[in-house]
Amino acid sequence: MTVYTRRRSRRLEVRTTDEERSIIDAAVAASDTDLTAFVVGCSLVEARRVLADRTQFTLSAEALKAWEELNAAPARSLPGVVALMSRPSPFGQRP
């Protein structure tokens, strides 16, 4: 059996009030872990939650069907966009 270990080498320092530290210490003791594992674990859970809507796109089956139907529909002609794209680019080559 292979055992993998991670070596934590980056330091993270935080400041707390006495009350915040007491609550954190009580939670660490209740979870039967150490302070580093507790703080890193909780921080990772929250970080993943915050980033989830920026890194994952999840739809229900019904919403996925509607999304697929929308994407399968032919593109509409938008005269304003056609006119805009027909104009010379202001960033094009200068004489």
PDB file of N, CA and C in Angstrom:
ATOM      1  N   MET A   1       0.841  -1.173   0.000  1.00  0.00           N
ATOM      2  CA  MET A   1       0.000   0.000   0.000  1.00  0.00           C
ATOM      3  C   MET A   1       0.891   1.244   0.000  1.00  0.00           C
ATOM      4  N   THR A   2       0.607   2.173  -0.914  1.00  0.00           N
ATOM      5  CA  THR A   2       1.384   3.404  -1.017  1.00  0.00           C
ATOM      6  C   THR A   2       0.681   4.500  -0.226  1.00  0.00           C
ATOM      7  N   VAL A   3       1.422   5.180   0.588  1.00  0.00           N
ATOM      8  CA  VAL A   3       0.881   6.287   1.371  1.00  0.00           C
ATOM      9  C   VAL A   3       1.459   7.586   0.809  1.00  0.00           C
ATOM     10  N   TYR A   4       0.563   8.491   0.443  1.00  0.00           N
ATOM     11  CA  TYR A   4       0.995   9.785  -0.081  1.00  0.00           C
ATOM     12  C   TYR A   4       0.895  10.832   1.025  1.00  0.00           C
ATOM     13  N   THR A   5       1.913  11.631   1.147  1.00  0.00           N
ATOM     14  CA  THR A   5       1.876  12.722   2.111  1.00  0.00           C
ATOM     15  C   THR A   5       2.102  14.032   1.371  1.00  0.00           C
ATOM     16  N   ARG A   6       1.458  15.053   1.855  1.00  0.00           N
ATOM     17  CA  ARG A   6       1.660  16.386   1.290  1.00  0.00           C
ATOM     18  C   ARG A   6       2.510  17.168   2.258  1.00  0.00           C
ATOM     19  N   ARG A   7       3.470  17.855   1.730  1.00  0.00           N
ATOM     20  CA  ARG A   7       4.311  18.703   2.557  1.00  0.00           C
ATOM     21  C   ARG A   7       3.827  20.129   2.378  1.00  0.00           C
ATOM     22  N   ARG A   8       3.298  20.673   3.418  1.00  0.00           N
ATOM     23  CA  ARG A   8       2.844  22.061   3.371  1.00  0.00           C
ATOM     24  C   ARG A   8       4.043  22.959   3.599  1.00  0.00           C
ATOM     25  N   SER A   9       4.270  23.852   2.651  1.00  0.00           N
ATOM     26  CA  SER A   9       5.445  24.710   2.763  1.00  0.00           C
ATOM     27  C   SER A   9       5.093  26.189   2.758  1.00  0.00           C
ATOM     28  N   ARG A  10       3.848  26.529   2.464  1.00  0.00           N
ATOM     29  CA  ARG A  10       3.452  27.937   2.436  1.00  0.00           C
ATOM     30  C   ARG A  10       2.784  28.307   3.750  1.00  0.00           C
ATOM     31  N   ARG A  11       3.156  29.443   4.281  1.00  0.00           N
ATOM     32  CA  ARG A  11       2.630  29.888   5.560  1.00  0.00           C
ATOM     33  C   ARG A  11       1.454  30.833   5.331  1.00  0.00           C
ATOM     34  N   LEU A  12       0.422  30.703   6.151  1.00  0.00           N
ATOM     35  CA  LEU A  12      -0.756  31.571   6.114  1.00  0.00           C
ATOM     36  C   LEU A  12      -0.983  32.074   7.532  1.00  0.00           C
ATOM     37  N   GLU A  13      -0.936  33.378   7.691  1.00  0.00           N
ATOM     38  CA  GLU A  13      -1.139  33.952   9.020  1.00  0.00           C
ATOM     39  C   GLU A  13      -2.434  34.755   9.019  1.00  0.00           C
ATOM     40  N   VAL A  14      -3.193  34.615  10.082  1.00  0.00           N
ATOM     41  CA  VAL A  14      -4.441  35.366  10.222  1.00  0.00           C
ATOM     42  C   VAL A  14      -4.514  35.964  11.619  1.00  0.00           C
ATOM     43  N   ARG A  15      -5.221  37.047  11.710  1.00  0.00           N
ATOM     44  CA  ARG A  15      -5.444  37.675  13.015  1.00  0.00           C
ATOM     45  C   ARG A  15      -6.902  37.465  13.400  1.00  0.00           C
ATOM     46  N   THR A  16      -7.127  37.189  14.668  1.00  0.00           N
ATOM     47  CA  THR A  16      -8.482  36.965  15.165  1.00  0.00           C
ATOM     48  C   THR A  16      -8.674  37.737  16.462  1.00  0.00           C
ATOM     49  N   THR A  17      -9.938  37.865  16.826  1.00  0.00           N
ATOM     50  CA  THR A  17     -10.229  38.377  18.171  1.00  0.00           C
ATOM     51  C   THR A  17     -10.097  37.207  19.138  1.00  0.00           C
ATOM     52  N   ASP A  18     -10.068  37.503  20.425  1.00  0.00           N
ATOM     53  CA  ASP A  18     -10.012  36.428  21.421  1.00  0.00           C
ATOM     54  C   ASP A  18     -11.232  35.516  21.291  1.00  0.00           C
ATOM     55  N   GLU A  19     -12.403  36.104  21.052  1.00  0.00           N
ATOM     56  CA  GLU A  19     -13.635  35.313  20.930  1.00  0.00           C
ATOM     57  C   GLU A  19     -13.583  34.407  19.691  1.00  0.00           C
ATOM     58  N   GLU A  20     -13.138  34.954  18.561  1.00  0.00           N
ATOM     59  CA  GLU A  20     -13.038  34.150  17.343  1.00  0.00           C
ATOM     60  C   GLU A  20     -12.079  32.971  17.553  1.00  0.00           C
ATOM     61  N   ARG A  21     -10.943  33.237  18.168  1.00  0.00           N
ATOM     62  CA  ARG A  21      -9.950  32.181  18.398  1.00  0.00           C
ATOM     63  C   ARG A  21     -10.504  31.119  19.334  1.00  0.00           C
ATOM     64  N   SER A  22     -11.257  31.523  20.346  1.00  0.00           N
ATOM     65  CA  SER A  22     -11.841  30.546  21.274  1.00  0.00           C
ATOM     66  C   SER A  22     -12.833  29.636  20.555  1.00  0.00           C
ATOM     67  N   ILE A  23     -13.628  30.206  19.676  1.00  0.00           N
ATOM     68  CA  ILE A  23     -14.605  29.412  18.922  1.00  0.00           C
ATOM     69  C   ILE A  23     -13.879  28.452  17.971  1.00  0.00           C
ATOM     70  N   ILE A  24     -12.867  28.953  17.301  1.00  0.00           N
ATOM     71  CA  ILE A  24     -12.088  28.103  16.386  1.00  0.00           C
ATOM     72  C   ILE A  24     -11.412  26.974  17.164  1.00  0.00           C
ATOM     73  N   ASP A  25     -10.811  27.303  18.281  1.00  0.00           N
ATOM     74  CA  ASP A  25     -10.148  26.275  19.096  1.00  0.00           C
ATOM     75  C   ASP A  25     -11.146  25.217  19.568  1.00  0.00           C
ATOM     76  N   ALA A  26     -12.350  25.646  19.949  1.00  0.00           N
ATOM     77  CA  ALA A  26     -13.378  24.692  20.390  1.00  0.00           C
ATOM     78  C   ALA A  26     -13.793  23.784  19.232  1.00  0.00           C
ATOM     79  N   ALA A  27     -13.916  24.345  18.038  1.00  0.00           N
ATOM     80  CA  ALA A  27     -14.276  23.543  16.867  1.00  0.00           C
ATOM     81  C   ALA A  27     -13.161  22.570  16.506  1.00  0.00           C
ATOM     82  N   VAL A  28     -11.922  22.999  16.632  1.00  0.00           N
ATOM     83  CA  VAL A  28     -10.781  22.117  16.372  1.00  0.00           C
ATOM     84  C   VAL A  28     -10.828  20.938  17.337  1.00  0.00           C
ATOM     85  N   ALA A  29     -11.046  21.209  18.610  1.00  0.00           N
ATOM     86  CA  ALA A  29     -11.100  20.141  19.610  1.00  0.00           C
ATOM     87  C   ALA A  29     -12.278  19.199  19.340  1.00  0.00           C
ATOM     88  N   ALA A  30     -13.414  19.757  18.941  1.00  0.00           N
ATOM     89  CA  ALA A  30     -14.597  18.933  18.677  1.00  0.00           C
ATOM     90  C   ALA A  30     -14.436  18.079  17.433  1.00  0.00           C
ATOM     91  N   SER A  31     -13.628  18.541  16.500  1.00  0.00           N
ATOM     92  CA  SER A  31     -13.457  17.787  15.251  1.00  0.00           C
ATOM     93  C   SER A  31     -12.301  16.795  15.314  1.00  0.00           C
ATOM     94  N   ASP A  32     -11.624  16.743  16.451  1.00  0.00           N
ATOM     95  CA  ASP A  32     -10.518  15.805  16.662  1.00  0.00           C
ATOM     96  C   ASP A  32      -9.463  15.910  15.565  1.00  0.00           C
ATOM     97  N   THR A  33      -9.029  17.146  15.293  1.00  0.00           N
ATOM     98  CA  THR A  33      -7.985  17.395  14.308  1.00  0.00           C
ATOM     99  C   THR A  33      -7.046  18.442  14.864  1.00  0.00           C
ATOM    100  N   ASP A  34      -6.124  18.908  14.055  1.00  0.00           N
ATOM    101  CA  ASP A  34      -5.254  19.984  14.528  1.00  0.00           C
ATOM    102  C   ASP A  34      -5.678  21.302  13.881  1.00  0.00           C
ATOM    103  N   LEU A  35      -5.159  22.391  14.387  1.00  0.00           N
ATOM    104  CA  LEU A  35      -5.557  23.723  13.934  1.00  0.00           C
ATOM    105  C   LEU A  35      -5.293  23.912  12.441  1.00  0.00           C
ATOM    106  N   THR A  36      -4.129  23.496  11.966  1.00  0.00           N
ATOM    107  CA  THR A  36      -3.792  23.673  10.550  1.00  0.00           C
ATOM    108  C   THR A  36      -4.782  22.921   9.664  1.00  0.00           C
ATOM    109  N   ALA A  37      -5.011  21.651   9.960  1.00  0.00           N
ATOM    110  CA  ALA A  37      -5.920  20.845   9.143  1.00  0.00           C
ATOM    111  C   ALA A  37      -7.322  21.442   9.163  1.00  0.00           C
ATOM    112  N   PHE A  38      -7.754  21.914  10.323  1.00  0.00           N
ATOM    113  CA  PHE A  38      -9.092  22.489  10.442  1.00  0.00           C
ATOM    114  C   PHE A  38      -9.218  23.769   9.621  1.00  0.00           C
ATOM    115  N   VAL A  39      -8.284  24.688   9.802  1.00  0.00           N
ATOM    116  CA  VAL A  39      -8.357  25.980   9.110  1.00  0.00           C
ATOM    117  C   VAL A  39      -8.197  25.803   7.604  1.00  0.00           C
ATOM    118  N   VAL A  40      -7.240  24.997   7.192  1.00  0.00           N
ATOM    119  CA  VAL A  40      -7.039  24.771   5.762  1.00  0.00           C
ATOM    120  C   VAL A  40      -8.257  24.077   5.164  1.00  0.00           C
ATOM    121  N   GLY A  41      -8.777  23.057   5.836  1.00  0.00           N
ATOM    122  CA  GLY A  41      -9.948  22.338   5.333  1.00  0.00           C
ATOM    123  C   GLY A  41     -11.153  23.237   5.172  1.00  0.00           C
ATOM    124  N   CYS A  42     -11.451  24.023   6.206  1.00  0.00           N
ATOM    125  CA  CYS A  42     -12.602  24.932   6.132  1.00  0.00           C
ATOM    126  C   CYS A  42     -12.392  26.012   5.075  1.00  0.00           C
ATOM    127  N   SER A  43     -11.182  26.514   4.975  1.00  0.00           N
ATOM    128  CA  SER A  43     -10.878  27.539   3.978  1.00  0.00           C
ATOM    129  C   SER A  43     -11.039  26.997   2.566  1.00  0.00           C
ATOM    130  N   LEU A  44     -10.589  25.764   2.338  1.00  0.00           N
ATOM    131  CA  LEU A  44     -10.729  25.162   1.015  1.00  0.00           C
ATOM    132  C   LEU A  44     -12.185  24.940   0.641  1.00  0.00           C
ATOM    133  N   VAL A  45     -12.986  24.485   1.595  1.00  0.00           N
ATOM    134  CA  VAL A  45     -14.417  24.283   1.328  1.00  0.00           C
ATOM    135  C   VAL A  45     -15.054  25.605   0.910  1.00  0.00           C
ATOM    136  N   GLU A  46     -14.789  26.649   1.635  1.00  0.00           N
ATOM    137  CA  GLU A  46     -15.368  27.954   1.327  1.00  0.00           C
ATOM    138  C   GLU A  46     -14.814  28.513   0.031  1.00  0.00           C
ATOM    139  N   ALA A  47     -13.525  28.352  -0.218  1.00  0.00           N
ATOM    140  CA  ALA A  47     -12.920  28.837  -1.459  1.00  0.00           C
ATOM    141  C   ALA A  47     -13.536  28.137  -2.661  1.00  0.00           C
ATOM    142  N   ARG A  48     -13.726  26.825  -2.558  1.00  0.00           N
ATOM    143  CA  ARG A  48     -14.350  26.081  -3.664  1.00  0.00           C
ATOM    144  C   ARG A  48     -15.788  26.529  -3.874  1.00  0.00           C
ATOM    145  N   ARG A  49     -16.516  26.825  -2.794  1.00  0.00           N
ATOM    146  CA  ARG A  49     -17.892  27.294  -2.913  1.00  0.00           C
ATOM    147  C   ARG A  49     -17.943  28.639  -3.625  1.00  0.00           C
ATOM    148  N   VAL A  50     -17.056  29.550  -3.249  1.00  0.00           N
ATOM    149  CA  VAL A  50     -17.013  30.874  -3.863  1.00  0.00           C
ATOM    150  C   VAL A  50     -16.670  30.777  -5.345  1.00  0.00           C
ATOM    151  N   LEU A  51     -15.747  29.882  -5.689  1.00  0.00           N
ATOM    152  CA  LEU A  51     -15.287  29.758  -7.073  1.00  0.00           C
ATOM    153  C   LEU A  51     -16.179  28.875  -7.942  1.00  0.00           C
ATOM    154  N   ALA A  52     -17.095  28.133  -7.332  1.00  0.00           N
ATOM    155  CA  ALA A  52     -17.882  27.159  -8.087  1.00  0.00           C
ATOM    156  C   ALA A  52     -18.620  27.779  -9.267  1.00  0.00           C
ATOM    157  N   ASP A  53     -19.253  28.911  -9.078  1.00  0.00           N
ATOM    158  CA  ASP A  53     -20.011  29.490 -10.198  1.00  0.00           C
ATOM    159  C   ASP A  53     -19.108  30.147 -11.226  1.00  0.00           C
ATOM    160  N   ARG A  54     -17.834  30.199 -10.946  1.00  0.00           N
ATOM    161  CA  ARG A  54     -16.890  30.756 -11.905  1.00  0.00           C
ATOM    162  C   ARG A  54     -16.127  29.662 -12.650  1.00  0.00           C
ATOM    163  N   THR A  55     -16.202  28.434 -12.153  1.00  0.00           N
ATOM    164  CA  THR A  55     -15.439  27.345 -12.761  1.00  0.00           C
ATOM    165  C   THR A  55     -16.307  26.183 -13.214  1.00  0.00           C
ATOM    166  N   GLN A  56     -17.555  26.129 -12.772  1.00  0.00           N
ATOM    167  CA  GLN A  56     -18.448  25.034 -13.128  1.00  0.00           C
ATOM    168  C   GLN A  56     -19.760  25.595 -13.645  1.00  0.00           C
ATOM    169  N   PHE A  57     -20.341  24.891 -14.580  1.00  0.00           N
ATOM    170  CA  PHE A  57     -21.624  25.288 -15.148  1.00  0.00           C
ATOM    171  C   PHE A  57     -22.524  24.069 -15.061  1.00  0.00           C
ATOM    172  N   THR A  58     -23.435  24.045 -14.108  1.00  0.00           N
ATOM    173  CA  THR A  58     -24.267  22.881 -13.851  1.00  0.00           C
ATOM    174  C   THR A  58     -25.728  23.237 -14.102  1.00  0.00           C
ATOM    175  N   LEU A  59     -26.411  22.372 -14.856  1.00  0.00           N
ATOM    176  CA  LEU A  59     -27.817  22.583 -15.175  1.00  0.00           C
ATOM    177  C   LEU A  59     -28.623  21.347 -14.809  1.00  0.00           C
ATOM    178  N   SER A  60     -29.889  21.552 -14.473  1.00  0.00           N
ATOM    179  CA  SER A  60     -30.797  20.423 -14.292  1.00  0.00           C
ATOM    180  C   SER A  60     -31.053  19.806 -15.660  1.00  0.00           C
ATOM    181  N   ALA A  61     -31.653  18.633 -15.690  1.00  0.00           N
ATOM    182  CA  ALA A  61     -31.952  17.966 -16.965  1.00  0.00           C
ATOM    183  C   ALA A  61     -32.868  18.840 -17.826  1.00  0.00           C
ATOM    184  N   GLU A  62     -33.849  19.452 -17.199  1.00  0.00           N
ATOM    185  CA  GLU A  62     -34.791  20.313 -17.930  1.00  0.00           C
ATOM    186  C   GLU A  62     -34.084  21.555 -18.481  1.00  0.00           C
ATOM    187  N   ALA A  63     -33.245  22.183 -17.678  1.00  0.00           N
ATOM    188  CA  ALA A  63     -32.518  23.370 -18.121  1.00  0.00           C
ATOM    189  C   ALA A  63     -31.508  23.010 -19.207  1.00  0.00           C
ATOM    190  N   LEU A  64     -30.884  21.837 -19.099  1.00  0.00           N
ATOM    191  CA  LEU A  64     -29.936  21.401 -20.119  1.00  0.00           C
ATOM    192  C   LEU A  64     -30.638  21.204 -21.463  1.00  0.00           C
ATOM    193  N   LYS A  65     -31.831  20.619 -21.438  1.00  0.00           N
ATOM    194  CA  LYS A  65     -32.600  20.423 -22.670  1.00  0.00           C
ATOM    195  C   LYS A  65     -32.921  21.770 -23.306  1.00  0.00           C
ATOM    196  N   ALA A  66     -33.363  22.730 -22.503  1.00  0.00           N
ATOM    197  CA  ALA A  66     -33.672  24.072 -23.021  1.00  0.00           C
ATOM    198  C   ALA A  66     -32.417  24.733 -23.583  1.00  0.00           C
ATOM    199  N   TRP A  67     -31.296  24.559 -22.913  1.00  0.00           N
ATOM    200  CA  TRP A  67     -30.014  25.127 -23.366  1.00  0.00           C
ATOM    201  C   TRP A  67     -29.622  24.527 -24.715  1.00  0.00           C
ATOM    202  N   GLU A  68     -29.735  23.210 -24.841  1.00  0.00           N
ATOM    203  CA  GLU A  68     -29.385  22.534 -26.087  1.00  0.00           C
ATOM    204  C   GLU A  68     -30.297  22.976 -27.227  1.00  0.00           C
ATOM    205  N   GLU A  69     -31.585  23.147 -26.955  1.00  0.00           N
ATOM    206  CA  GLU A  69     -32.515  23.616 -27.983  1.00  0.00           C
ATOM    207  C   GLU A  69     -32.162  25.032 -28.424  1.00  0.00           C
ATOM    208  N   LEU A  70     -31.826  25.868 -27.495  1.00  0.00           N
ATOM    209  CA  LEU A  70     -31.443  27.240 -27.807  1.00  0.00           C
ATOM    210  C   LEU A  70     -30.184  27.266 -28.671  1.00  0.00           C
ATOM    211  N   ASN A  71     -29.217  26.448 -28.346  1.00  0.00           N
ATOM    212  CA  ASN A  71     -27.964  26.419 -29.104  1.00  0.00           C
ATOM    213  C   ASN A  71     -28.109  25.755 -30.469  1.00  0.00           C
ATOM    214  N   ALA A  72     -29.117  24.883 -30.616  1.00  0.00           N
ATOM    215  CA  ALA A  72     -29.329  24.202 -31.895  1.00  0.00           C
ATOM    216  C   ALA A  72     -30.103  25.081 -32.874  1.00  0.00           C
ATOM    217  N   ALA A  73     -30.762  26.113 -32.373  1.00  0.00           N
ATOM    218  CA  ALA A  73     -31.553  26.995 -33.245  1.00  0.00           C
ATOM    219  C   ALA A  73     -30.636  27.768 -34.187  1.00  0.00           C
ATOM    220  N   PRO A  74     -31.118  28.041 -35.420  1.00  0.00           N
ATOM    221  CA  PRO A  74     -30.283  28.817 -36.341  1.00  0.00           C
ATOM    222  C   PRO A  74     -30.064  30.239 -35.817  1.00  0.00           C
ATOM    223  N   ALA A  75     -28.933  30.789 -36.180  1.00  0.00           N
ATOM    224  CA  ALA A  75     -28.603  32.151 -35.742  1.00  0.00           C
ATOM    225  C   ALA A  75     -29.547  33.148 -36.407  1.00  0.00           C
ATOM    226  N   ARG A  76     -29.923  34.162 -35.657  1.00  0.00           N
ATOM    227  CA  ARG A  76     -30.759  35.227 -36.215  1.00  0.00           C
ATOM    228  C   ARG A  76     -29.879  36.242 -36.917  1.00  0.00           C
ATOM    229  N   SER A  77     -30.446  36.880 -37.917  1.00  0.00           N
ATOM    230  CA  SER A  77     -29.740  37.974 -38.580  1.00  0.00           C
ATOM    231  C   SER A  77     -30.034  39.252 -37.808  1.00  0.00           C
ATOM    232  N   LEU A  78     -29.001  39.922 -37.382  1.00  0.00           N
ATOM    233  CA  LEU A  78     -29.155  41.170 -36.634  1.00  0.00           C
ATOM    234  C   LEU A  78     -28.583  42.292 -37.487  1.00  0.00           C
ATOM    235  N   PRO A  79     -29.447  43.096 -38.113  1.00  0.00           N
ATOM    236  CA  PRO A  79     -28.975  44.127 -39.030  1.00  0.00           C
ATOM    237  C   PRO A  79     -27.954  45.080 -38.409  1.00  0.00           C
ATOM    238  N   GLY A  80     -28.124  45.438 -37.173  1.00  0.00           N
ATOM    239  CA  GLY A  80     -27.178  46.345 -36.519  1.00  0.00           C
ATOM    240  C   GLY A  80     -25.785  45.736 -36.419  1.00  0.00           C
ATOM    241  N   VAL A  81     -25.721  44.446 -36.115  1.00  0.00           N
ATOM    242  CA  VAL A  81     -24.432  43.770 -36.013  1.00  0.00           C
ATOM    243  C   VAL A  81     -23.803  43.641 -37.399  1.00  0.00           C
ATOM    244  N   VAL A  82     -24.635  43.321 -38.404  1.00  0.00           N
ATOM    245  CA  VAL A  82     -24.125  43.217 -39.767  1.00  0.00           C
ATOM    246  C   VAL A  82     -23.526  44.554 -40.202  1.00  0.00           C
ATOM    247  N   ALA A  83     -24.228  45.655 -39.916  1.00  0.00           N
ATOM    248  CA  ALA A  83     -23.730  46.987 -40.284  1.00  0.00           C
ATOM    249  C   ALA A  83     -22.431  47.303 -39.542  1.00  0.00           C
ATOM    250  N   LEU A  84     -22.386  46.998 -38.279  1.00  0.00           N
ATOM    251  CA  LEU A  84     -21.183  47.258 -37.484  1.00  0.00           C
ATOM    252  C   LEU A  84     -19.989  46.479 -38.026  1.00  0.00           C
ATOM    253  N   MET A  85     -20.195  45.221 -38.340  1.00  0.00           N
ATOM    254  CA  MET A  85     -19.090  44.390 -38.822  1.00  0.00           C
ATOM    255  C   MET A  85     -18.669  44.760 -40.245  1.00  0.00           C
ATOM    256  N   SER A  86     -19.516  45.488 -40.957  1.00  0.00           N
ATOM    257  CA  SER A  86     -19.183  45.919 -42.321  1.00  0.00           C
ATOM    258  C   SER A  86     -18.320  47.169 -42.327  1.00  0.00           C
ATOM    259  N   ARG A  87     -18.285  47.887 -41.230  1.00  0.00           N
ATOM    260  CA  ARG A  87     -17.481  49.112 -41.154  1.00  0.00           C
ATOM    261  C   ARG A  87     -16.011  48.772 -41.045  1.00  0.00           C
ATOM    262  N   PRO A  88     -15.152  49.630 -41.567  1.00  0.00           N
ATOM    263  CA  PRO A  88     -13.715  49.383 -41.397  1.00  0.00           C
ATOM    264  C   PRO A  88     -13.321  49.468 -39.922  1.00  0.00           C
ATOM    265  N   SER A  89     -12.387  48.673 -39.541  1.00  0.00           N
ATOM    266  CA  SER A  89     -11.929  48.675 -38.162  1.00  0.00           C
ATOM    267  C   SER A  89     -11.126  49.924 -37.853  1.00  0.00           C
ATOM    268  N   PRO A  90     -11.376  50.544 -36.706  1.00  0.00           N
ATOM    269  CA  PRO A  90     -10.559  51.705 -36.335  1.00  0.00           C
ATOM    270  C   PRO A  90      -9.128  51.281 -35.987  1.00  0.00           C
ATOM    271  N   PHE A  91      -8.884  49.992 -35.854  1.00  0.00           N
ATOM    272  CA  PHE A  91      -7.567  49.484 -35.501  1.00  0.00           C
ATOM    273  C   PHE A  91      -6.827  48.913 -36.709  1.00  0.00           C
ATOM    274  N   GLY A  92      -7.419  49.091 -37.900  1.00  0.00           N
ATOM    275  CA  GLY A  92      -6.831  48.534 -39.111  1.00  0.00           C
ATOM    276  C   GLY A  92      -5.575  49.279 -39.517  1.00  0.00           C
ATOM    277  N   GLN A  93      -5.023  48.870 -40.651  1.00  0.00           N
ATOM    278  CA  GLN A  93      -3.790  49.480 -41.172  1.00  0.00           C
ATOM    279  C   GLN A  93      -4.032  50.925 -41.570  1.00  0.00           C
ATOM    280  N   ARG A  94      -3.094  51.778 -41.236  1.00  0.00           N
ATOM    281  CA  ARG A  94      -3.158  53.189 -41.643  1.00  0.00           C
ATOM    282  C   ARG A  94      -2.319  53.368 -42.891  1.00  0.00           C
ATOM    283  N   PRO A  95      -2.784  54.239 -43.786  1.00  0.00           N
ATOM    284  CA  PRO A  95      -1.993  54.477 -45.021  1.00  0.00           C
ATOM    285  C   PRO A  95      -0.658  55.109 -44.759  1.00  0.00           C
TER     286      PRO A  95
END
